[in-house]
Protein backbone atom coordinates (compact mmCIF):
# COMPACT_ATOMS: atom_id res chain seq x y z
CA UNK A 1 79.20 97.70 103.43
CA UNK A 2 79.47 95.97 100.01
CA UNK A 3 81.96 93.19 99.52
CA UNK A 4 85.25 93.90 97.75
CA UNK A 5 86.76 91.36 95.37
CA UNK A 6 90.52 91.05 94.74
CA UNK A 7 91.87 89.24 91.68
CA UNK A 8 95.61 88.73 91.29
CA UNK A 9 95.52 87.14 87.84
CA UNK A 10 96.72 83.76 89.09
CA UNK A 11 93.40 82.03 89.76
CA UNK A 12 93.09 78.67 88.04
CA UNK A 13 89.32 78.58 88.19
CA UNK A 14 86.16 80.60 88.72
CA UNK A 15 87.06 82.15 92.07
CA UNK A 16 88.41 85.41 93.47
CA UNK A 17 91.87 85.63 95.00
CA UNK A 18 90.33 87.30 98.04
CA UNK A 19 86.99 88.67 99.15
CA UNK A 20 86.59 91.36 101.79
CA UNK A 21 83.32 91.40 103.69
CA UNK A 22 83.21 94.11 106.34
CA UNK A 23 86.25 93.80 108.61
CA UNK A 24 87.15 90.32 107.36
CA UNK A 25 89.23 89.20 104.37
CA UNK A 26 88.95 85.66 103.06
CA UNK A 27 91.96 84.66 100.96
CA UNK A 28 91.63 81.76 98.53
CA UNK A 29 94.30 79.11 98.21
CA UNK A 30 97.51 80.88 97.26
CA UNK A 31 100.46 79.04 95.73
CA UNK A 32 103.91 79.71 94.40
CA UNK A 33 102.78 81.18 91.11
CA UNK A 34 104.72 83.83 89.27
CA UNK A 35 102.49 86.89 89.88
CA UNK A 36 99.78 87.34 87.26
CA UNK A 37 100.33 83.89 85.75
CA UNK A 38 99.36 80.28 86.32
CA UNK A 39 103.02 79.19 86.22
CA UNK A 40 104.76 77.88 89.35
CA UNK A 41 108.07 79.57 90.17
CA UNK A 42 111.17 77.51 89.37
CA UNK A 43 113.77 76.55 91.97
CA UNK A 44 112.22 73.75 94.00
CA UNK A 45 110.17 73.66 97.17
CA UNK A 46 112.02 76.45 98.99
CA UNK A 47 111.46 78.87 96.12
CA UNK A 48 107.83 77.76 95.90
CA UNK A 49 107.20 78.32 99.62
CA UNK A 50 108.88 81.74 99.51
CA UNK A 51 106.83 82.76 96.45
CA UNK A 52 103.65 81.50 98.12
CA UNK A 53 104.31 83.70 101.15
CA UNK A 54 105.08 86.71 98.94
CA UNK A 55 101.88 86.11 96.99
CA UNK A 56 99.86 85.75 100.17
CA UNK A 57 101.24 89.02 101.52
CA UNK A 58 100.59 90.76 98.20
CA UNK A 59 96.98 89.54 98.05
CA UNK A 60 96.31 90.63 101.62
CA UNK A 61 97.86 94.04 100.91
CA UNK A 62 95.76 94.48 97.75
CA UNK A 63 92.70 93.78 99.90
CA UNK A 64 93.71 96.58 102.29
CA UNK A 65 94.96 94.35 105.11
CA UNK A 66 98.33 93.45 106.65
CA UNK A 67 99.89 90.11 107.55
CA UNK A 68 99.42 91.09 111.20
CA UNK A 69 95.66 91.00 110.53
CA UNK A 70 95.71 87.28 109.66
CA UNK A 71 93.91 85.31 112.37
CA UNK A 72 93.79 81.85 110.78
CA UNK A 73 95.71 80.02 108.06
CA UNK A 74 95.56 76.57 106.49
CA UNK A 75 98.62 75.21 104.71
CA UNK A 76 98.35 72.35 102.23
CA UNK A 77 101.52 70.39 101.45
CA UNK A 78 102.10 67.49 99.07
CA UNK A 79 104.93 66.15 101.23
CA UNK A 80 105.13 66.26 105.03
CA UNK A 81 108.92 66.36 104.72
CA UNK A 82 108.49 70.01 103.64
CA UNK A 83 106.82 70.97 106.94
CA UNK A 84 110.04 72.06 108.75
CA UNK A 85 111.03 74.29 105.81
CA UNK A 86 107.51 75.73 105.69
CA UNK A 87 107.72 76.52 109.41
CA UNK A 88 111.10 78.23 109.01
CA UNK A 89 109.99 80.48 106.13
CA UNK A 90 106.46 81.05 107.49
CA UNK A 91 107.75 82.22 110.88
CA UNK A 92 109.77 84.94 109.15
CA UNK A 93 106.52 86.47 107.91
CA UNK A 94 104.41 86.22 111.06
CA UNK A 95 106.91 86.68 113.88
CA UNK A 96 106.01 86.59 117.57
CA UNK A 97 102.21 86.46 117.30
CA UNK A 98 101.43 84.12 114.40
CA UNK A 99 97.84 83.27 113.46
CA UNK A 100 96.15 80.01 114.34
CA UNK A 101 97.18 77.47 111.72
CA UNK A 102 96.58 73.99 110.41
CA UNK A 103 98.87 72.07 108.07
CA UNK A 104 97.41 69.31 105.94
CA UNK A 105 99.12 66.86 103.61
CA UNK A 106 97.27 66.26 100.35
CA UNK A 107 97.91 63.90 97.49
CA UNK A 108 97.81 66.42 94.65
CA UNK A 109 97.07 70.05 93.82
CA UNK A 110 96.36 72.04 90.65
CA UNK A 111 99.31 72.91 88.41
CA UNK A 112 101.39 70.27 90.22
CA UNK A 113 102.07 72.77 92.99
CA UNK A 114 103.62 71.56 96.24
CA UNK A 115 102.08 74.10 98.60
CA UNK A 116 98.96 76.21 98.94
CA UNK A 117 97.94 78.50 101.78
CA UNK A 118 94.54 79.99 102.50
CA UNK A 119 93.81 82.41 105.31
CA UNK A 120 91.36 84.73 107.01
CA UNK A 121 92.36 88.24 108.08
CA UNK A 122 90.40 90.48 110.39
CA UNK A 123 90.66 94.16 111.29
CA UNK A 124 89.47 94.99 114.75
CA UNK A 125 87.89 98.27 115.72
CA UNK A 126 91.26 99.56 116.99
CA UNK A 127 92.87 99.51 113.53
């Protein structure tokens, strides 16, 4: 099965937004960009986290997957103080059976973003 490439129009470099290889979808770092642009949404960290989650869901959907298919996620934050808010918003997207996850604090990110999430989604044979 050939790989499928998804581009959302918000990449800041030479990479795809997501790549599907077989039953697995690899999603690149996704931030709080206004869809189709390289501009971060206005409204502070809460708005940025919410937009990041919307963008992540949209990218996964464009790849032919669902949020329930996500098996692993890595969240990058510029400030650990934002971790509780991330958890609150994130849990609203993944519910009772969330994927495995790591959260990492970093010094800086492109476009002065405050959050970025990357993930891997997988479709089992039962789907």
